[in-house]
């Protein structure tokens, strides 16, 4: 009798305490890759600048990274867009350094992955779609400008809770509202916003890349362990 190999390579994923889309992340993972998720400590706040600042403290992210040490993960991702853009480019680099110092073999944040994905397409002008309020959305726009990327359009839902419950049609309409003819791509923020099944249809409709937070995080994380995200017709995953 022949049994299949159980050998796996893995990615550790540090997510905010309110993350509810573990299954969406898995949809991008090849069958020989395991995801080891851990959550930052709970905070009673809604999705505001205060809450985002708390869940992105470098000491907390480092502690969560050390909690993943025994998994043998080949890379660790901090899967939170707002938590990795809230303190600008320097703050994003601090989070990567914190994960590496805590023992990660390689490290990436969602906002760092976003910039990598935009660079992959040579994007210099982007539209952004977010579920956040105006304040957090503005902080994302500032992060992009700091990275040298111009803003072509922006739309947001104004939510502070229940982001994981947003239906696909609402997200699709949000992307349409954010897009502008001059935008070379649309970025859809927040790892707690469902996007997997929206991306390919909206790319076909708009004629440009539509990159989401979870998609970029998984794409960049898997590259760091020599794997490719599962292709489902999304442009970022094309060979």
Foldseek 3Di string as FASTA:
>chain_A
DDDDDPAAAEEEEEEEPPADVPVLLCQFDDPRYDYHYDYFDDDPFFQDLVVLCVRLDLVRLLVSLLVCVVVNHQEYEHQWQLNLQSVAPVSNVSNQVSNVVSPGNGYHYLNRLVVVLCVVVPFQEEFEEEQAAPVSQVSSQVNSVVVRHHYDFYFYNHDRDPQLVDDLVVVLVSQVRRDDPPHQEYEYHTPSHDDPVPFQVSCVVNVHAYHYSSNSRSQVRQVSVVHATDDDNHPSRDD
